[in-house]
Amino acid sequence: MALTTDEMRRVTYSRYLLERAGNLQAHRTDLSSAEANLAAHDAAEMLMRVVYDRLKITPPNGFMEFWKLVRDSTGDEPLFKGKMKSLNDQRNEFKHGGHLPHSSTVEGLLASVAEFCEHIAQKYLQIDYNTATLAALIQNIDAREQFKMATAKYGAGDIRGAMESVRQAFMDVYSEALKRHEQDLPRRLSWNVPSVHTGNPDIDRAVRAIIKDLDLPMIVQRLNSVTEAVNMQIFNVDPVMYWRFIRLTPFAFRTGDGKTHFNWPPDRSPSQQDYEFCRSFLINFALQNGL
C-alpha cells in the first residue's frame, strides 16, 4: 500500500532534518556536531514513527525500543541497532548532561543514520528514502518548479545550470517574502549622479569632483548590503550564510520580458559542495518563512 500524503510528508521532513544535520556537521566544531547529532536523531525518530504507523505499533517512550517492537511485529529485527544506540547515547549525554560529542564521532554516526533510514524505509515502507523530493517543502509554485529543474540538471551533471535554477528559485521566494513584509522592512536606496549646472563652469567642475571623490555609488551599495543583512535577520536567516549563497551563485537579473539572465565570474566553477550548500540554503529560507 502506498504511503499516505501525511506519511510521505513526514518522510520528506526526515530527509530534510538529516540533510540539515550534514550542514551543521560541516562547520566541524564540537558544538555544531552536537546540534548535528540532535537533528540526525530527530530525522531517524520521525522516520521510525512512520514505520510504527505502518505496522500499527503504538509508539513507545524509549528510542531504543524500536528494534524489539518491530521484531515482535514482523519477526525480523532492523539493522544498525548498535550504531543507533551510540547516536542516542551521544544525544542524551549532550541534551541531559551538557557533554559535547567529538566532531569525528558524529561524522561517522551521520553516515550510519543515513544507512539506517534507507534500510527501514526500503524494508518497512517499500520506498527509496533518497527519492523523497525536498521540492515538496517549497510552497511557492515557481520556486518549486525551479528546484525540480535544479535537481534534474544536477543529476545530469550540469552543476552550473543547477546553480542557476537554485538562484532563480531563491529570487522567487525572496520576492514573495519582501512583498509580505514590505511595510515593515527597510527599503533599498537608489542613486543616480545628479546633473550639475550652476551656470559657473568652475563651480560645476568642483562639485563634480567632490561627488566623484565621495564615491557615493559605493556608499549606496554598502548601505544596501546592510539592508540585505537586516532583512535576512528578520527572515530568520544567518546573514553570513546569505552572503555565502550570493557569492557562490551567479549574478541574476530579470528583464522586462520576464526572462532571467545570469552572469558568472570568469573564474567561477561551482563544486558539488557549493550546490549542496545552496540547495539547503534555499530550502531553509523557504521553510523559515512559510514559502
Protein backbone atom coordinates (compact mmCIF):
# COMPACT_ATOMS: atom_id res chain seq x y z
CA MET A 1 0.00 0.00 0.00
CA ALA A 2 1.33 3.43 -0.96
CA LEU A 3 2.16 5.92 1.76
CA THR A 4 -0.46 8.49 2.64
CA THR A 5 0.20 12.17 1.95
CA ASP A 6 0.84 12.75 5.64
CA GLU A 7 3.28 9.85 5.87
CA MET A 8 5.17 10.97 2.77
CA ARG A 9 5.42 14.49 4.16
CA ARG A 10 6.98 13.13 7.35
CA VAL A 11 9.45 11.08 5.32
CA THR A 12 10.37 14.27 3.45
CA TYR A 13 10.87 16.19 6.69
CA SER A 14 13.05 13.35 7.95
CA ARG A 15 15.24 13.72 4.88
CA TYR A 16 15.39 17.46 5.39
CA LEU A 17 16.47 17.08 9.02
CA LEU A 18 19.18 14.60 8.06
CA GLU A 19 20.46 16.96 5.39
CA ARG A 20 20.43 19.78 7.93
CA ALA A 21 22.48 17.59 10.24
CA GLY A 22 25.08 17.23 7.50
CA ASN A 23 25.22 21.00 7.01
CA LEU A 24 25.70 21.56 10.73
CA GLN A 25 28.42 18.92 10.83
CA ALA A 26 30.24 20.72 8.01
CA HIS A 27 31.15 23.50 10.49
CA ARG A 28 33.33 20.89 12.25
CA THR A 29 33.13 22.31 15.75
CA ASP A 30 32.08 20.24 18.74
CA LEU A 31 29.02 22.43 19.33
CA SER A 32 27.84 22.27 15.71
CA SER A 33 28.42 18.50 15.83
CA ALA A 34 26.21 18.30 18.92
CA GLU A 35 23.49 20.18 17.01
CA ALA A 36 24.01 17.83 14.06
CA ASN A 37 23.53 14.88 16.39
CA LEU A 38 20.20 16.28 17.61
CA ALA A 39 18.98 16.90 14.05
CA ALA A 40 20.03 13.40 12.92
CA HIS A 41 18.31 11.86 15.94
CA ASP A 42 15.11 13.75 15.08
CA ALA A 43 15.38 12.61 11.45
CA ALA A 44 15.65 8.97 12.46
CA GLU A 45 12.91 9.21 15.07
CA MET A 46 10.49 10.87 12.65
CA LEU A 47 11.00 8.06 10.13
CA MET A 48 10.68 5.44 12.87
CA ARG A 49 7.29 6.93 13.76
CA VAL A 50 6.14 6.42 10.18
CA VAL A 51 7.21 2.77 10.44
CA TYR A 52 5.27 2.42 13.70
CA ASP A 53 2.16 3.77 11.99
CA ARG A 54 2.52 1.43 9.00
CA LEU A 55 2.97 -1.59 11.26
CA LYS A 56 0.19 -0.41 13.60
CA ILE A 57 2.52 -0.33 16.60
CA THR A 58 1.81 2.06 19.47
CA PRO A 59 4.90 4.34 19.66
CA PRO A 60 6.85 3.75 22.89
CA ASN A 61 8.57 6.31 25.07
CA GLY A 62 12.06 4.87 24.55
CA PHE A 63 14.04 5.40 21.34
CA MET A 64 15.78 2.02 21.54
CA GLU A 65 12.53 0.04 21.93
CA PHE A 66 12.09 0.30 18.15
CA TRP A 67 14.12 -2.83 17.45
CA LYS A 68 12.22 -5.10 19.83
CA LEU A 69 8.78 -3.83 18.83
CA VAL A 70 9.44 -4.15 15.10
CA ARG A 71 10.92 -7.63 15.62
CA ASP A 72 7.87 -8.70 17.61
CA SER A 73 5.59 -7.38 14.86
CA THR A 74 7.46 -8.68 11.80
CA GLY A 75 9.72 -11.41 13.13
CA ASP A 76 12.77 -9.59 11.78
CA GLU A 77 14.88 -7.09 13.71
CA PRO A 78 16.04 -3.91 11.89
CA LEU A 79 19.77 -3.37 11.32
CA PHE A 80 22.11 -0.75 12.81
CA LYS A 81 20.94 -1.15 16.41
CA GLY A 82 24.44 -0.66 17.83
CA LYS A 83 25.15 2.48 15.79
CA MET A 84 21.78 3.99 16.63
CA LYS A 85 22.36 3.27 20.31
CA SER A 86 25.59 5.26 20.04
CA LEU A 87 23.65 8.11 18.42
CA ASN A 88 21.07 8.03 21.20
CA ASP A 89 23.75 7.90 23.89
CA GLN A 90 25.58 10.90 22.39
CA ARG A 91 22.30 12.79 22.18
CA ASN A 92 21.44 12.08 25.85
CA GLU A 93 24.93 12.99 27.06
CA PHE A 94 24.66 16.37 25.36
CA LYS A 95 21.00 17.14 25.99
CA HIS A 96 20.85 15.99 29.60
CA GLY A 97 24.47 16.21 30.72
CA GLY A 98 25.88 19.06 28.65
CA HIS A 99 28.73 16.91 27.30
CA LEU A 100 29.77 17.81 23.76
CA PRO A 101 30.49 14.94 21.37
CA HIS A 102 33.68 14.90 19.33
CA SER A 103 33.23 16.02 15.74
CA SER A 104 34.82 12.88 14.28
CA THR A 105 32.45 10.67 16.30
CA VAL A 106 29.39 12.43 14.94
CA GLU A 107 30.81 12.30 11.42
CA GLY A 108 30.71 8.51 11.49
CA LEU A 109 27.30 8.38 13.16
CA LEU A 110 25.68 10.55 10.48
CA ALA A 111 26.69 8.06 7.81
CA SER A 112 25.13 5.27 9.89
CA VAL A 113 21.90 7.26 10.38
CA ALA A 114 21.62 7.71 6.61
CA GLU A 115 22.09 3.97 6.08
CA PHE A 116 19.59 3.18 8.84
CA CYS A 117 16.95 5.47 7.32
CA GLU A 118 17.48 4.00 3.87
CA HIS A 119 17.20 0.50 5.35
CA ILE A 120 13.95 0.93 7.29
CA ALA A 121 12.34 3.00 4.50
CA GLN A 122 13.02 0.25 1.99
CA LYS A 123 12.21 -2.70 4.26
CA TYR A 124 9.11 -1.47 6.06
CA LEU A 125 7.76 1.35 3.88
CA GLN A 126 8.78 -0.05 0.47
CA ILE A 127 10.17 3.28 -0.70
CA ASP A 128 13.59 4.63 -1.64
CA TYR A 129 14.37 7.12 1.13
CA ASN A 130 16.53 9.21 -1.17
CA THR A 131 13.73 9.77 -3.67
CA ALA A 132 11.62 11.72 -1.18
CA THR A 133 11.85 15.02 -3.00
CA LEU A 134 12.58 18.07 -0.88
CA ALA A 135 10.82 20.18 -3.50
CA ALA A 136 7.58 19.35 -1.71
CA LEU A 137 8.75 21.54 1.18
CA ILE A 138 8.69 24.67 -1.02
CA GLN A 139 5.23 26.25 -1.26
CA ASN A 140 5.98 28.88 -3.90
CA ILE A 141 4.99 27.21 -7.17
CA ASP A 142 7.57 28.91 -9.41
CA ALA A 143 10.37 28.27 -6.91
CA ARG A 144 9.32 24.64 -6.53
CA GLU A 145 9.50 24.09 -10.29
CA GLN A 146 12.93 25.72 -10.44
CA PHE A 147 14.07 23.49 -7.59
CA LYS A 148 12.93 20.43 -9.53
CA MET A 149 14.81 21.72 -12.58
CA ALA A 150 17.92 22.21 -10.44
CA THR A 151 17.67 18.62 -9.22
CA ALA A 152 17.34 17.33 -12.79
CA LYS A 153 20.26 19.44 -14.05
CA TYR A 154 22.44 18.33 -11.17
CA GLY A 155 21.58 14.70 -11.86
CA ALA A 156 22.64 15.23 -15.47
CA GLY A 157 26.00 16.64 -14.37
CA ASP A 158 25.17 20.28 -15.13
CA ILE A 159 26.17 21.86 -11.81
CA ARG A 160 26.32 25.38 -13.23
CA GLY A 161 22.81 25.06 -14.68
CA ALA A 162 21.60 23.63 -11.37
CA MET A 163 23.04 26.61 -9.51
CA GLU A 164 21.27 28.99 -11.88
CA SER A 165 17.94 27.28 -11.18
CA VAL A 166 18.56 27.43 -7.43
CA ARG A 167 19.35 31.14 -7.71
CA GLN A 168 16.19 31.74 -9.72
CA ALA A 169 14.15 29.79 -7.16
CA PHE A 170 15.60 31.96 -4.40
CA MET A 171 14.66 35.10 -6.33
CA ASP A 172 11.07 33.84 -6.38
CA VAL A 173 10.82 33.08 -2.65
CA TYR A 174 12.74 36.21 -1.64
CA SER A 175 10.49 38.38 -3.79
CA GLU A 176 7.43 36.88 -2.14
CA ALA A 177 8.94 37.40 1.31
CA LEU A 178 9.61 41.07 0.54
CA LYS A 179 6.04 41.58 -0.67
CA ARG A 180 4.65 40.03 2.51
CA HIS A 181 6.64 42.37 4.73
CA GLU A 182 7.09 45.44 2.53
CA GLN A 183 5.54 47.73 5.16
CA ASP A 184 7.98 46.57 7.85
CA LEU A 185 11.30 46.24 6.02
CA PRO A 186 13.91 48.94 5.34
CA ARG A 187 13.93 49.98 1.70
CA ARG A 188 16.89 49.76 -0.62
CA LEU A 189 18.46 53.03 -1.73
CA SER A 190 18.96 54.07 -5.32
CA TRP A 191 21.43 56.62 -6.63
CA ASN A 192 21.80 58.50 -9.86
CA VAL A 193 24.61 61.01 -10.39
CA PRO A 194 22.86 64.39 -10.44
CA SER A 195 23.35 66.87 -13.22
CA VAL A 196 25.31 69.89 -12.03
CA HIS A 197 24.54 73.11 -13.88
CA THR A 198 25.07 76.20 -11.74
CA GLY A 199 25.96 78.43 -14.62
CA ASN A 200 29.51 78.67 -13.34
CA PRO A 201 31.88 76.16 -15.01
CA ASP A 202 34.38 76.33 -12.16
CA ILE A 203 31.74 75.56 -9.54
CA ASP A 204 30.33 72.77 -11.73
CA ARG A 205 33.75 71.14 -12.01
CA ALA A 206 34.37 71.46 -8.27
CA VAL A 207 31.01 69.90 -7.36
CA ARG A 208 31.52 67.03 -9.81
CA ALA A 209 34.96 66.38 -8.32
CA ILE A 210 33.50 66.27 -4.81
CA ILE A 211 30.81 63.81 -5.92
CA LYS A 212 33.44 61.62 -7.56
CA ASP A 213 35.72 61.68 -4.51
CA LEU A 214 32.86 60.75 -2.20
CA ASP A 215 32.19 57.63 -4.30
CA LEU A 216 28.51 57.84 -3.44
CA PRO A 217 27.53 54.82 -5.58
CA MET A 218 29.84 52.67 -3.45
CA ILE A 219 28.34 54.11 -0.26
CA VAL A 220 24.83 53.32 -1.51
CA GLN A 221 25.93 49.79 -2.43
CA ARG A 222 27.34 49.22 1.05
CA LEU A 223 24.21 50.61 2.70
CA ASN A 224 22.08 48.30 0.60
CA SER A 225 24.26 45.41 1.73
CA VAL A 226 23.47 46.34 5.32
CA THR A 227 19.78 46.45 4.37
CA GLU A 228 20.02 42.93 2.95
CA ALA A 229 21.69 41.72 6.17
CA VAL A 230 18.89 43.27 8.27
CA ASN A 231 16.30 41.62 6.02
CA MET A 232 17.92 38.22 6.48
CA GLN A 233 17.79 38.55 10.26
CA ILE A 234 14.10 39.48 10.04
CA PHE A 235 13.61 36.39 7.87
CA ASN A 236 15.38 34.21 10.50
CA VAL A 237 18.35 33.55 8.23
CA ASP A 238 22.03 33.92 9.12
CA PRO A 239 23.35 36.86 7.01
CA VAL A 240 26.72 35.11 6.70
CA MET A 241 25.01 32.13 5.07
CA TYR A 242 23.10 34.51 2.80
CA TRP A 243 26.26 36.23 1.59
CA ARG A 244 27.88 32.85 1.00
CA PHE A 245 24.89 31.85 -1.12
CA ILE A 246 25.17 35.10 -3.11
CA ARG A 247 28.91 34.60 -3.58
CA LEU A 248 28.52 31.01 -4.82
CA THR A 249 25.64 31.65 -7.23
CA PRO A 250 25.71 33.79 -10.38
CA PHE A 251 24.53 37.38 -10.52
CA ALA A 252 20.94 37.24 -11.74
CA PHE A 253 18.53 39.82 -13.11
CA ARG A 254 15.17 39.84 -14.86
CA THR A 255 14.36 41.84 -17.97
CA GLY A 256 11.04 43.36 -18.96
CA ASP A 257 10.04 40.26 -20.90
CA GLY A 258 10.13 38.23 -17.67
CA LYS A 259 13.27 36.27 -18.57
CA THR A 260 16.02 35.71 -16.04
CA HIS A 261 19.63 36.22 -17.09
CA PHE A 262 22.79 35.08 -15.31
CA ASN A 263 26.33 36.41 -15.22
CA TRP A 264 29.10 34.18 -13.91
CA PRO A 265 32.53 35.48 -12.91
CA PRO A 266 35.02 34.10 -15.45
CA ASP A 267 36.92 32.11 -12.80
CA ARG A 268 33.88 30.61 -11.07
CA SER A 269 33.47 26.85 -11.31
CA PRO A 270 30.87 25.63 -8.76
CA SER A 271 31.51 22.35 -6.99
CA GLN A 272 29.21 19.64 -5.73
CA GLN A 273 29.64 21.01 -2.19
CA ASP A 274 28.70 24.50 -3.42
CA TYR A 275 25.49 23.16 -4.93
CA GLU A 276 24.56 21.16 -1.82
CA PHE A 277 25.05 24.24 0.36
CA CYS A 278 22.99 26.50 -1.91
CA ARG A 279 20.21 23.95 -2.25
CA SER A 280 19.99 23.57 1.53
CA PHE A 281 20.06 27.35 2.00
CA LEU A 282 17.11 27.73 -0.37
CA ILE A 283 15.07 25.07 1.47
CA ASN A 284 15.90 26.57 4.86
CA PHE A 285 14.85 30.05 3.72
CA ALA A 286 11.58 28.74 2.29
CA LEU A 287 10.75 26.73 5.43
CA GLN A 288 11.70 29.51 7.85
CA ASN A 289 9.33 31.88 6.09
CA GLY A 290 6.48 29.59 5.06
CA LEU A 291 7.29 29.98 1.38
